[in-house]
Amino acid sequence: MSFLKPKYHFISFLLILSLLTSCGVKKAQNDIPDVSNYELSKSPLKVINDSLSFKGNNSIRHNKYGQWELVTSGNPYDMGNSIGILSQNLIVKQEELFFQKVEELVPSKFKQNAIKKFLAFYNRKMYLHIKEEYKAEIFGISKYSSDKYDLMGSKYQKSLYLHGAHDIGHALQDLALVGCSSFAVWGENTVDGDLIIARNFDFYAGDEFAREKMISFINPDKGYKFMAVSWAGMIGVMSGMNDQGLTVTINAGKSDIPLVAKTPISLVTREILQYASTIDEAIAIAKMKEVFVSESILIGSAKDNKAVLIEMSPDNFDVYNAQNTAKIICSNHFQSEGYQSDENNSNHILESHSKYRYDRMEELLDETEKVTPQKAVDILRNKEGLNDELIGYGNEKALNQLLAHHGIVFQPSKLRVWVSTNPYQLGEFVAFNLDEVFENQNQKVNTLSNADYLIEKDSFVNSDEFHNYEKYRKEKVRLVEKTEEGVVYNSKDIATFKSYNPHNWEVYFLVGEYYYEQKQYTAALVEFEKALTKEITTVPDRKRVEQYIKKIKRKIR
């Protein structure tokens, strides 16, 4: 079996378990938010052109860089309704792309149906942990979602549960959907002493899914105005900043598989952005929440001119403050004292690529005398390993794994933010200022961005290496399919395939698997031994290569 395939051993047990019981499921399915006290705006939809539409004070723009800029205001239900009307085509498209990815990972119809029943059971208590105002907003959006993929019998339940997709994905299957890298610097580490925060959000649900980035600028009837980057139909926050200069970004951690879904982490960070203006206020909100996955929340604050890490899991909570330094680095393991004896966290540090990326960020920051937004982007785009070693494009040990949904840089004291454009983090980083956006939101312009602060695209986009990497990704899919089908692959094509990304261990592993399935054991051994000379992503991956070598040596004795 290819290492690219998800493993279903434990989740299969949960699926069977869920089929045996439906306790509590009906209550969840019958829970519909009461929206009777909310008024809906009667403003009609006005389509100015293909790239600009208005609905009262709400609007959506498609800028020339391919980003969607959504501006909305009002009560929760009205905001959700306006978001749905303005972005219905995008919501439907993103849902279909997401579920196509699920079908790709789980092609069996039987397993798909079992997963539907399992999700109904697993999410049976999620509604108890979500604020009514967010349920009302999601309900407003859900009316405009896809008629397909009715997971739970209603559009609303589907939309609600999609807000926990990030959590469920890495909690139940440890899917390689999230491996984010982020950092914050201030004081002596920046030109003016003010805080700068940067992160890559390496959530991957397919290239098409990442193409339609939604940059939302929200003016709720309660709380602070804020911006967030995600996708159409998502009200939770993965990366965002409010008009008080408070920022949030999330990095997945490692924990035991929880028995029931609670508060999606993106809705925890949404509440923080909407109702907190300082680090202490953010911590107070987070402490009140019950989550069902482990997550680091990097909180930056213009008022405090510093950043901290809120580290949350179902059974633990702590805050990490930088000691004797004006920087914080965050990958996918916990750093606070409360997690020093946590076995899951310790194993994750030893076996995953989290510590490697942490060390690489530290190395690059030490080499950077004073961080600026441009220099922060340069770090996010870095594709090499420690000591600038060539570790292959797409290696998960790189900060830029060439799959990120978005890269983002915040300058909280100036309420300025830069958001990446396709492909990956390599396109232009488009600048926005929160005050300017809300001041100019009703203007009939095709972008609310600030062209004066644009960060140019990476020259790597135009290189032969990048074009070869794109070819490699396509050929990788073909090679895996042919390996699984037992089809003979042209030897010349294999040589070409290896030339596209010669420094990546995965190349030689996949070719080794192909030769192994073809019973060409000597050729397979050469490839697996070559893979061992490269920077292998995780300890389990290295063990998998070594196991193949042992099996082959027994066969050819």
Protein backbone atom coordinates (compact mmCIF):
# COMPACT_ATOMS: atom_id res chain seq x y z
CA MET A 1 0.00 0.00 0.00
CA SER A 2 1.31 3.45 -0.87
CA PHE A 3 2.15 5.70 2.06
CA LEU A 4 -0.01 8.36 0.38
CA LYS A 5 -3.17 6.41 1.16
CA PRO A 6 -4.97 7.19 4.45
CA LYS A 7 -5.17 4.42 7.01
CA TYR A 8 -8.55 3.38 8.32
CA HIS A 9 -7.80 0.85 11.08
CA PHE A 10 -8.88 2.92 14.05
CA ILE A 11 -11.51 4.97 12.28
CA SER A 12 -13.08 1.79 10.91
CA PHE A 13 -13.61 0.67 14.48
CA LEU A 14 -15.26 3.99 15.26
CA LEU A 15 -17.49 3.70 12.20
CA ILE A 16 -18.72 0.29 13.29
CA LEU A 17 -19.25 1.60 16.80
CA SER A 18 -21.28 4.54 15.52
CA LEU A 19 -23.52 2.26 13.49
CA LEU A 20 -24.53 0.46 16.67
CA THR A 21 -25.85 3.54 18.42
CA SER A 22 -27.69 6.75 17.62
CA CYS A 23 -27.99 8.13 21.14
CA GLY A 24 -28.16 11.90 21.07
CA VAL A 25 -28.06 12.21 17.27
CA LYS A 26 -31.69 13.29 16.86
CA LYS A 27 -31.32 16.17 19.29
CA ALA A 28 -28.43 17.53 17.27
CA GLN A 29 -30.24 17.09 13.96
CA ASN A 30 -33.32 18.87 15.29
CA ASP A 31 -31.39 21.82 16.70
CA ILE A 32 -32.08 24.85 14.52
CA PRO A 33 -31.07 28.33 15.70
CA ASP A 34 -33.87 30.73 16.57
CA VAL A 35 -33.52 33.62 14.11
CA SER A 36 -36.95 35.15 14.73
CA ASN A 37 -35.49 38.16 16.55
CA TYR A 38 -33.15 39.08 13.71
CA GLU A 39 -34.15 41.43 10.90
CA LEU A 40 -33.07 40.71 7.34
CA SER A 41 -31.98 43.56 5.12
CA LYS A 42 -34.26 44.06 2.13
CA SER A 43 -31.47 45.58 0.04
CA PRO A 44 -31.39 43.90 -3.38
CA LEU A 45 -28.33 42.32 -4.95
CA LYS A 46 -26.70 44.73 -7.41
CA VAL A 47 -24.21 43.19 -9.82
CA ILE A 48 -21.90 45.89 -11.16
CA ASN A 49 -19.75 43.51 -13.21
CA ASP A 50 -18.23 40.03 -13.03
CA SER A 51 -15.85 41.21 -10.32
CA LEU A 52 -18.02 43.48 -8.17
CA SER A 53 -21.43 43.09 -6.49
CA PHE A 54 -23.25 44.94 -3.70
CA LYS A 55 -26.08 44.17 -1.30
CA GLY A 56 -26.65 47.31 0.74
CA ASN A 57 -23.43 47.96 2.66
CA ASN A 58 -22.21 44.45 1.90
CA SER A 59 -20.04 43.72 -1.12
CA ILE A 60 -17.81 41.21 -2.83
CA ARG A 61 -14.90 41.92 -5.15
CA HIS A 62 -12.63 39.71 -7.22
CA ASN A 63 -9.32 41.51 -7.50
CA LYS A 64 -6.85 41.13 -10.34
CA TYR A 65 -4.68 38.85 -8.19
CA GLY A 66 -7.43 36.25 -7.93
CA GLN A 67 -8.47 36.97 -4.34
CA TRP A 68 -12.07 37.47 -3.25
CA GLU A 69 -12.67 40.46 -0.96
CA LEU A 70 -15.90 40.15 1.04
CA VAL A 71 -17.22 42.99 3.21
CA THR A 72 -20.25 42.41 5.41
CA SER A 73 -21.97 43.98 8.43
CA GLY A 74 -25.08 43.66 10.56
CA ASN A 75 -26.66 41.13 12.89
CA PRO A 76 -25.51 37.49 12.67
CA TYR A 77 -28.41 36.13 10.62
CA ASP A 78 -28.39 39.08 8.23
CA MET A 79 -24.62 38.81 7.77
CA GLY A 80 -24.92 35.11 7.00
CA ASN A 81 -27.75 35.75 4.57
CA SER A 82 -25.79 38.49 2.80
CA ILE A 83 -22.67 36.34 2.64
CA GLY A 84 -24.73 33.55 1.11
CA ILE A 85 -26.30 35.78 -1.53
CA LEU A 86 -23.03 37.48 -2.48
CA SER A 87 -20.91 34.33 -2.63
CA GLN A 88 -23.35 31.50 -3.39
CA ASN A 89 -21.48 30.25 -6.46
CA LEU A 90 -18.23 30.15 -4.49
CA ILE A 91 -19.84 28.38 -1.52
CA VAL A 92 -21.25 25.67 -3.78
CA LYS A 93 -17.95 25.33 -5.62
CA GLN A 94 -15.85 25.04 -2.45
CA GLU A 95 -18.21 22.48 -0.92
CA GLU A 96 -18.07 20.33 -4.03
CA LEU A 97 -14.29 20.57 -4.20
CA PHE A 98 -13.99 19.62 -0.54
CA PHE A 99 -16.26 16.60 -0.83
CA GLN A 100 -14.55 15.52 -4.04
CA LYS A 101 -11.34 15.40 -2.01
CA VAL A 102 -13.11 13.29 0.61
CA GLU A 103 -14.33 10.93 -2.12
CA GLU A 104 -10.79 10.72 -3.48
CA LEU A 105 -9.50 9.72 -0.03
CA VAL A 106 -12.46 7.39 0.61
CA PRO A 107 -13.57 6.00 -2.78
CA SER A 108 -15.73 3.21 -1.29
CA LYS A 109 -19.45 4.11 -1.25
CA PHE A 110 -19.93 1.82 1.73
CA LYS A 111 -17.26 3.66 3.71
CA GLN A 112 -18.66 7.02 2.61
CA ASN A 113 -22.09 6.09 3.96
CA ALA A 114 -20.52 4.75 7.14
CA ILE A 115 -18.61 8.03 7.57
CA LYS A 116 -21.86 10.00 7.17
CA LYS A 117 -23.43 8.01 10.00
CA PHE A 118 -20.30 8.29 12.06
CA LEU A 119 -20.16 12.08 11.65
CA ALA A 120 -23.77 12.37 12.79
CA PHE A 121 -22.84 10.41 15.92
CA TYR A 122 -19.47 12.05 16.49
CA ASN A 123 -20.84 15.60 16.09
CA ARG A 124 -23.92 14.96 18.23
CA LYS A 125 -22.83 17.45 20.92
CA MET A 126 -21.10 20.06 18.78
CA TYR A 127 -24.19 22.29 18.69
CA LEU A 128 -24.06 22.63 22.50
CA HIS A 129 -20.61 24.25 22.28
CA ILE A 130 -21.24 26.84 19.56
CA LYS A 131 -22.51 30.34 20.33
CA GLU A 132 -26.04 31.04 19.16
CA GLU A 133 -24.91 34.06 17.16
CA TYR A 134 -22.51 31.89 15.14
CA LYS A 135 -25.17 29.26 14.59
CA ALA A 136 -27.48 31.99 13.30
CA GLU A 137 -24.79 33.25 10.91
CA ILE A 138 -24.06 29.73 9.67
CA PHE A 139 -27.80 29.14 9.26
CA GLY A 140 -28.05 32.25 7.08
CA ILE A 141 -25.19 31.06 4.89
CA SER A 142 -26.42 27.48 4.70
CA LYS A 143 -29.52 28.42 2.71
CA TYR A 144 -27.22 29.09 -0.24
CA SER A 145 -25.03 26.01 0.04
CA SER A 146 -24.92 23.08 -2.35
CA ASP A 147 -27.93 20.79 -2.69
CA LYS A 148 -25.50 17.89 -3.00
CA TYR A 149 -23.63 16.11 -0.22
CA ASP A 150 -26.49 16.25 2.28
CA LEU A 151 -24.55 14.65 5.11
CA MET A 152 -27.03 15.06 7.92
CA GLY A 153 -30.34 15.63 6.21
CA SER A 154 -30.16 19.43 6.14
CA LYS A 155 -27.99 22.13 4.63
CA TYR A 156 -27.60 23.75 8.02
CA GLN A 157 -26.17 20.65 9.69
CA LYS A 158 -23.77 20.19 6.81
CA SER A 159 -22.58 23.80 7.02
CA LEU A 160 -22.23 23.58 10.79
CA TYR A 161 -20.18 20.40 10.68
CA LEU A 162 -17.94 21.73 7.92
CA HIS A 163 -16.72 24.27 10.47
CA GLY A 164 -15.19 21.33 12.32
CA ALA A 165 -13.57 19.76 9.24
CA HIS A 166 -10.11 21.05 10.21
CA ASP A 167 -10.49 19.56 13.70
CA ILE A 168 -12.06 16.26 12.65
CA GLY A 169 -9.47 15.67 9.91
CA HIS A 170 -6.43 15.81 12.13
CA ALA A 171 -8.14 14.41 15.23
CA LEU A 172 -9.46 11.19 13.71
CA GLN A 173 -7.07 10.29 10.93
CA ASP A 174 -3.97 12.44 11.38
CA LEU A 175 -4.40 13.35 7.73
CA ALA A 176 -1.53 15.44 6.36
CA LEU A 177 -3.86 18.40 5.96
CA VAL A 178 -2.20 20.73 8.42
CA GLY A 179 1.50 21.34 9.14
CA CYS A 180 1.66 25.09 9.67
CA SER A 181 4.63 27.30 10.49
CA SER A 182 4.40 30.74 12.13
CA PHE A 183 6.49 33.28 14.01
CA ALA A 184 6.23 36.67 15.72
CA VAL A 185 9.00 39.22 16.28
CA TRP A 186 9.09 42.61 17.98
CA GLY A 187 11.45 44.91 19.90
CA GLU A 188 15.06 44.60 18.77
CA ASN A 189 14.06 42.13 16.04
CA THR A 190 12.13 44.64 13.89
CA VAL A 191 13.09 47.96 12.29
CA ASP A 192 10.76 50.11 14.41
CA GLY A 193 10.32 47.76 17.38
CA ASP A 194 6.71 47.06 16.45
CA LEU A 195 5.25 43.59 16.23
CA ILE A 196 5.32 41.58 12.97
CA ILE A 197 3.63 38.17 12.66
CA ALA A 198 3.89 35.74 9.74
CA ARG A 199 2.45 32.32 9.03
CA ASN A 200 1.87 29.65 6.41
CA PHE A 201 -1.47 27.86 6.64
CA ASP A 202 -0.70 24.45 5.17
CA PHE A 203 -4.26 23.14 5.07
CA TYR A 204 -4.54 21.15 1.86
CA ALA A 205 -7.81 20.03 0.31
CA GLY A 206 -6.66 20.21 -3.31
CA ASP A 207 -5.24 22.87 -5.61
CA GLU A 208 -8.64 24.03 -6.81
CA PHE A 209 -9.90 24.43 -3.25
CA ALA A 210 -6.96 26.72 -2.40
CA ARG A 211 -7.38 28.78 -5.56
CA GLU A 212 -10.46 30.73 -4.42
CA LYS A 213 -9.15 32.53 -1.34
CA MET A 214 -11.75 34.53 0.57
CA ILE A 215 -10.55 37.60 2.48
CA SER A 216 -13.47 38.62 4.70
CA PHE A 217 -13.83 42.01 6.36
CA ILE A 218 -16.52 41.71 9.03
CA ASN A 219 -18.33 44.50 10.90
CA PRO A 220 -20.63 42.68 13.35
CA ASP A 221 -23.33 44.44 15.35
CA LYS A 222 -21.49 43.38 18.51
CA GLY A 223 -17.76 43.35 19.08
CA TYR A 224 -14.84 44.58 17.00
CA LYS A 225 -14.43 44.79 13.25
CA PHE A 226 -11.99 42.22 11.91
CA MET A 227 -10.56 40.52 8.83
CA ALA A 228 -9.92 36.82 8.21
CA VAL A 229 -8.63 34.61 5.39
CA SER A 230 -10.37 31.34 4.58
CA TRP A 231 -12.82 30.11 1.92
CA ALA A 232 -16.42 30.82 0.97
CA GLY A 233 -18.97 29.72 3.57
CA MET A 234 -16.47 29.59 6.46
CA ILE A 235 -17.12 32.02 9.33
CA GLY A 236 -14.38 30.57 11.54
CA VAL A 237 -10.92 32.11 11.62
CA MET A 238 -7.65 30.42 10.67
CA SER A 239 -5.73 33.69 10.25
CA GLY A 240 -7.08 37.11 11.13
CA MET A 241 -6.72 40.55 12.76
CA ASN A 242 -9.23 42.93 14.33
CA ASP A 243 -9.35 46.71 14.36
CA GLN A 244 -7.67 46.75 17.77
CA GLY A 245 -4.55 45.22 16.27
CA LEU A 246 -5.14 41.78 17.81
CA THR A 247 -4.18 38.84 15.59
CA VAL A 248 -4.83 35.09 15.69
CA THR A 249 -3.35 32.17 13.77
CA ILE A 250 -3.77 28.45 14.52
CA ASN A 251 -1.31 25.56 14.41
CA ALA A 252 -2.49 21.97 14.91
CA GLY A 253 -0.98 19.95 17.73
CA LYS A 254 -1.00 16.28 18.71
CA SER A 255 -3.44 14.64 21.11
CA ASP A 256 -5.40 11.48 21.74
CA ILE A 257 -8.38 10.89 19.48
CA PRO A 258 -11.38 12.48 21.24
CA LEU A 259 -14.66 10.60 21.65
CA VAL A 260 -16.96 13.48 20.75
CA ALA A 261 -16.73 16.80 18.89
CA LYS A 262 -17.00 19.99 20.91
CA THR A 263 -16.00 23.54 19.90
CA PRO A 264 -14.29 23.86 16.49
CA ILE A 265 -11.04 25.72 17.03
CA SER A 266 -11.79 28.19 14.22
CA LEU A 267 -14.86 29.38 16.14
CA VAL A 268 -12.76 29.86 19.28
CA THR A 269 -10.44 32.14 17.33
CA ARG A 270 -13.41 33.88 15.70
CA GLU A 271 -14.73 34.78 19.15
CA ILE A 272 -11.30 35.99 20.25
CA LEU A 273 -11.02 38.30 17.23
CA GLN A 274 -14.54 39.62 17.67
CA TYR A 275 -14.41 40.26 21.41
CA ALA A 276 -10.78 40.63 22.55
CA SER A 277 -8.43 43.60 22.24
CA THR A 278 -5.55 42.41 24.43
CA ILE A 279 -3.70 39.18 25.14
CA ASP A 280 -5.32 38.82 28.57
CA GLU A 281 -8.80 39.16 27.05
CA ALA A 282 -7.94 36.55 24.42
CA ILE A 283 -6.73 34.13 27.09
CA ALA A 284 -9.90 34.65 29.14
CA ILE A 285 -12.09 33.73 26.15
CA ALA A 286 -10.01 30.67 25.24
CA LYS A 287 -10.07 29.37 28.82
CA MET A 288 -13.85 29.13 28.73
CA LYS A 289 -13.90 26.85 25.67
CA GLU A 290 -13.99 23.07 25.47
CA VAL A 291 -12.15 21.91 22.35
CA PHE A 292 -11.71 18.44 20.91
CA VAL A 293 -8.29 18.76 19.31
CA SER A 294 -4.90 20.07 20.36
CA GLU A 295 -4.09 23.48 18.96
CA SER A 296 -1.62 26.32 19.39
CA ILE A 297 -3.14 29.77 18.93
CA LEU A 298 -0.54 32.45 18.24
CA ILE A 299 -1.96 35.69 19.63
CA GLY A 300 -0.36 38.98 18.63
CA SER A 301 -1.38 42.30 20.15
CA ALA A 302 -0.63 45.86 19.11
CA LYS A 303 -1.66 47.12 22.56
CA ASP A 304 0.75 44.73 24.28
CA ASN A 305 3.31 44.90 21.44
CA LYS A 306 4.13 41.23 21.88
CA ALA A 307 2.81 37.76 21.13
CA VAL A 308 2.06 34.63 23.14
CA LEU A 309 0.96 31.08 22.41
CA ILE A 310 -2.29 29.78 23.85
CA GLU A 311 -1.88 26.01 23.89
CA MET A 312 -5.15 24.09 24.15
CA SER A 313 -6.16 20.44 24.14
CA PRO A 314 -9.21 18.54 25.41
CA ASP A 315 -7.56 17.97 28.82
CA ASN A 316 -5.02 20.75 29.19
CA PHE A 317 -4.53 24.50 28.82
CA ASP A 318 -1.46 26.68 29.17
CA VAL A 319 0.10 29.87 27.82
CA TYR A 320 3.64 30.16 26.50
CA ASN A 321 5.40 33.50 26.96
CA ALA A 322 8.77 34.22 25.39
CA GLN A 323 11.48 34.50 28.03
CA ASN A 324 14.40 36.91 27.54
CA THR A 325 13.65 37.27 23.84
CA ALA A 326 11.37 39.32 21.62
CA LYS A 327 10.27 36.51 19.35
CA ILE A 328 8.04 33.45 19.34
CA ILE A 329 8.28 30.55 16.90
CA CYS A 330 5.46 28.09 16.41
CA SER A 331 5.18 24.91 14.36
CA ASN A 332 3.07 21.93 15.48
CA HIS A 333 4.24 21.06 18.98
CA PHE A 334 3.61 22.66 22.34
CA GLN A 335 6.22 24.65 24.27
CA SER A 336 4.61 25.70 27.54
CA GLU A 337 5.46 24.16 30.90
CA GLY A 338 2.04 22.50 31.11
CA TYR A 339 2.92 20.22 28.17
CA GLN A 340 6.51 19.33 29.04
CA SER A 341 5.44 15.92 30.36
CA ASP A 342 2.74 15.33 27.74
CA GLU A 343 3.58 12.04 26.03
CA ASN A 344 1.77 12.85 22.79
CA ASN A 345 3.62 16.14 22.49
CA SER A 346 7.00 14.57 23.30
CA ASN A 347 6.52 11.84 20.71
CA HIS A 348 5.39 14.38 18.15
CA ILE A 349 8.57 16.40 18.64
CA LEU A 350 10.69 13.27 18.17
CA GLU A 351 8.85 11.69 15.25
CA SER A 352 7.31 14.47 13.15
CA HIS A 353 8.73 17.34 11.10
CA SER A 354 7.53 19.99 13.57
CA LYS A 355 10.84 20.46 15.44
CA TYR A 356 12.77 20.58 12.15
CA ARG A 357 10.62 23.44 10.85
CA TYR A 358 10.90 25.19 14.22
CA ASP A 359 14.69 24.99 14.02
CA ARG A 360 14.67 26.24 10.44
CA MET A 361 12.58 29.30 11.37
CA GLU A 362 14.94 30.01 14.25
CA GLU A 363 17.92 29.69 11.92
CA LEU A 364 16.45 32.09 9.36
CA LEU A 365 15.39 34.62 12.00
CA ASP A 366 18.88 34.56 13.51
CA GLU A 367 20.27 35.34 10.05
CA THR A 368 17.85 38.28 9.60
CA GLU A 369 19.08 41.39 11.38
CA LYS A 370 15.80 43.34 11.40
CA VAL A 371 12.58 41.73 10.18
CA THR A 372 10.38 43.71 7.79
CA PRO A 373 7.19 42.52 6.06
CA GLN A 374 9.24 41.73 2.94
CA LYS A 375 11.78 39.73 4.95
CA ALA A 376 8.96 37.91 6.73
CA VAL A 377 7.53 36.90 3.34
CA ASP A 378 10.99 35.72 2.25
CA ILE A 379 11.09 33.40 5.27
CA LEU A 380 7.61 32.03 4.53
CA ARG A 381 8.70 31.29 0.97
CA ASN A 382 11.89 29.46 1.96
CA LYS A 383 12.10 25.99 0.38
CA GLU A 384 15.43 24.74 1.72
CA GLY A 385 16.22 22.72 4.82
CA LEU A 386 18.53 23.41 7.74
CA ASN A 387 21.82 25.01 6.72
CA ASP A 388 20.22 25.70 3.31
CA GLU A 389 20.35 22.00 2.43
CA LEU A 390 18.46 21.00 -0.72
CA ILE A 391 15.77 18.68 0.63
CA GLY A 392 13.53 18.54 -2.43
CA TYR A 393 10.52 20.62 -3.39
CA GLY A 394 7.37 19.77 -1.48
CA ASN A 395 9.24 18.26 1.46
CA GLU A 396 7.18 18.74 4.62
CA LYS A 397 10.31 19.73 6.50
CA ALA A 398 10.47 22.93 4.46
CA LEU A 399 8.69 26.08 5.62
CA ASN A 400 7.32 26.44 2.12
CA GLN A 401 5.92 23.01 1.34
CA LEU A 402 4.45 24.29 -1.93
CA LEU A 403 0.89 23.43 -0.92
CA ALA A 404 -0.23 26.17 1.51
CA HIS A 405 -3.76 27.47 1.36
CA HIS A 406 -2.33 30.88 2.21
CA GLY A 407 0.60 32.75 3.65
CA ILE A 408 -0.03 35.91 5.65
CA VAL A 409 1.90 38.71 7.37
CA PHE A 410 0.49 41.11 9.98
CA GLN A 411 1.73 44.51 11.09
CA PRO A 412 -0.76 45.08 13.96
CA SER A 413 0.29 48.60 15.03
CA LYS A 414 -0.52 49.84 11.50
CA LEU A 415 -3.58 47.55 11.05
CA ARG A 416 -1.87 46.31 7.90
CA VAL A 417 -1.94 42.78 6.53
CA TRP A 418 -0.45 41.03 3.50
CA VAL A 419 -2.18 37.97 2.00
CA SER A 420 -0.54 35.62 -0.50
CA THR A 421 -1.79 34.89 -4.00
CA ASN A 422 -1.46 31.73 -6.08
CA PRO A 423 0.47 29.63 -6.62
CA TYR A 424 0.99 28.67 -2.97
CA GLN A 425 2.86 31.54 -1.24
CA LEU A 426 4.77 32.40 -4.40
CA GLY A 427 2.45 34.96 -5.97
CA GLU A 428 2.16 38.58 -4.90
CA PHE A 429 1.37 39.35 -1.26
CA VAL A 430 -1.47 41.86 -1.48
CA ALA A 431 -1.65 44.54 1.23
CA PHE A 432 -4.79 45.70 3.05
CA ASN A 433 -5.31 48.29 5.78
CA LEU A 434 -8.37 47.63 7.95
CA ASP A 435 -9.32 51.28 8.41
CA GLU A 436 -9.02 51.96 4.68
CA VAL A 437 -11.12 48.91 3.80
CA PHE A 438 -14.07 49.83 6.02
CA GLU A 439 -13.84 53.50 4.99
CA ASN A 440 -13.91 52.69 1.26
CA GLN A 441 -16.14 49.61 1.26
CA ASN A 442 -18.96 51.29 -0.69
CA GLN A 443 -16.76 52.56 -3.49
CA LYS A 444 -17.27 50.96 -6.88
CA VAL A 445 -13.69 49.77 -7.19
CA ASN A 446 -12.43 46.28 -8.02
CA THR A 447 -10.14 46.04 -5.00
CA LEU A 448 -9.85 47.49 -1.50
CA SER A 449 -6.16 46.64 -1.31
CA ASN A 450 -3.33 49.16 -1.04
CA ALA A 451 -1.09 48.95 -4.12
CA ASP A 452 1.65 51.02 -2.45
CA TYR A 453 2.58 48.15 -0.14
CA LEU A 454 2.33 45.25 -2.60
CA ILE A 455 5.07 42.61 -2.19
CA GLU A 456 6.08 41.23 -5.58
CA LYS A 457 5.79 37.58 -6.56
CA ASP A 458 8.68 35.19 -6.04
CA SER A 459 10.93 34.85 -9.09
CA PHE A 460 10.95 31.08 -8.44
CA VAL A 461 7.53 30.96 -10.16
CA ASN A 462 9.22 31.55 -13.51
CA SER A 463 12.04 29.04 -13.00
CA ASP A 464 12.55 25.66 -14.66
CA GLU A 465 12.70 24.11 -11.19
CA PHE A 466 9.17 25.27 -10.41
CA HIS A 467 7.78 24.04 -13.72
CA ASN A 468 9.49 20.70 -13.17
CA TYR A 469 7.99 20.49 -9.68
CA GLU A 470 4.51 21.00 -11.12
CA LYS A 471 5.21 18.22 -13.61
CA TYR A 472 6.45 16.05 -10.75
CA ARG A 473 3.19 16.45 -8.85
CA LYS A 474 1.18 15.29 -11.85
CA GLU A 475 3.49 12.40 -12.64
CA LYS A 476 3.48 11.33 -8.99
CA VAL A 477 -0.26 10.70 -9.18
CA ARG A 478 0.19 8.67 -12.36
CA LEU A 479 3.01 6.59 -10.89
CA VAL A 480 1.01 5.80 -7.74
CA GLU A 481 -1.99 4.76 -9.85
CA LYS A 482 0.11 2.53 -12.10
CA THR A 483 1.79 0.98 -9.05
CA GLU A 484 -1.57 0.14 -7.51
CA GLU A 485 -2.94 -1.20 -10.80
CA GLY A 486 0.17 -3.27 -11.52
CA VAL A 487 0.68 -1.54 -14.86
CA VAL A 488 4.18 -1.45 -16.35
CA TYR A 489 5.71 2.02 -16.32
CA ASN A 490 8.13 3.11 -19.02
CA SER A 491 11.72 3.09 -17.68
CA LYS A 492 12.51 6.30 -19.55
CA ASP A 493 9.51 7.96 -17.90
CA ILE A 494 10.78 6.85 -14.49
CA ALA A 495 14.14 8.49 -15.15
CA THR A 496 12.37 11.68 -16.22
CA PHE A 497 10.18 11.54 -13.14
CA LYS A 498 13.22 11.38 -10.87
CA SER A 499 14.84 14.30 -12.67
CA TYR A 500 11.90 16.58 -11.87
CA ASN A 501 12.59 16.61 -8.11
CA PRO A 502 15.91 14.82 -7.51
CA HIS A 503 16.52 15.94 -3.92
CA ASN A 504 13.22 14.73 -2.47
CA TRP A 505 13.28 11.34 -0.69
CA GLU A 506 9.69 10.68 -1.75
CA VAL A 507 10.76 10.38 -5.39
CA TYR A 508 12.92 7.35 -4.70
CA PHE A 509 10.42 5.83 -2.29
CA LEU A 510 7.65 5.91 -4.90
CA VAL A 511 9.90 4.46 -7.61
CA GLY A 512 11.06 1.83 -5.13
CA GLU A 513 7.43 0.91 -4.39
CA TYR A 514 6.76 0.60 -8.11
CA TYR A 515 9.72 -1.75 -8.65
CA TYR A 516 8.77 -3.73 -5.56
CA GLU A 517 5.23 -4.32 -6.83
CA GLN A 518 6.73 -5.35 -10.18
CA LYS A 519 8.92 -7.85 -8.28
CA GLN A 520 12.06 -6.11 -9.56
CA TYR A 521 13.61 -6.35 -6.12
CA THR A 522 17.19 -5.40 -6.96
CA ALA A 523 16.03 -2.20 -8.69
CA ALA A 524 13.69 -1.46 -5.79
CA LEU A 525 16.53 -1.88 -3.27
CA VAL A 526 18.62 0.71 -5.12
CA GLU A 527 15.80 3.23 -4.93
CA PHE A 528 14.98 2.65 -1.25
CA GLU A 529 18.64 2.94 -0.29
CA LYS A 530 18.82 6.16 -2.28
CA ALA A 531 15.79 7.45 -0.34
CA LEU A 532 17.67 6.86 2.92
CA THR A 533 20.37 9.29 1.78
CA LYS A 534 17.82 12.10 1.52
CA GLU A 535 16.08 14.18 4.19
CA ILE A 536 13.14 11.92 5.07
CA THR A 537 10.15 13.74 6.50
CA THR A 538 9.29 11.76 9.66
CA VAL A 539 10.52 8.86 11.75
CA PRO A 540 7.60 6.63 10.65
CA ASP A 541 8.48 7.39 7.01
CA ARG A 542 12.10 6.39 7.59
CA LYS A 543 10.99 3.17 9.28
CA ARG A 544 8.78 2.40 6.30
CA VAL A 545 11.74 2.72 3.94
CA GLU A 546 13.89 0.53 6.22
CA GLN A 547 11.15 -2.12 6.40
CA TYR A 548 11.07 -2.33 2.61
CA ILE A 549 14.85 -2.78 2.54
CA LYS A 550 14.69 -5.59 5.11
CA LYS A 551 11.94 -7.37 3.17
CA ILE A 552 13.84 -7.09 -0.10
CA LYS A 553 17.09 -8.38 1.36
CA ARG A 554 15.26 -11.44 2.69
CA LYS A 555 13.78 -12.06 -0.76
CA ILE A 556 17.03 -11.79 -2.72
CA ARG A 557 19.28 -13.82 -0.40
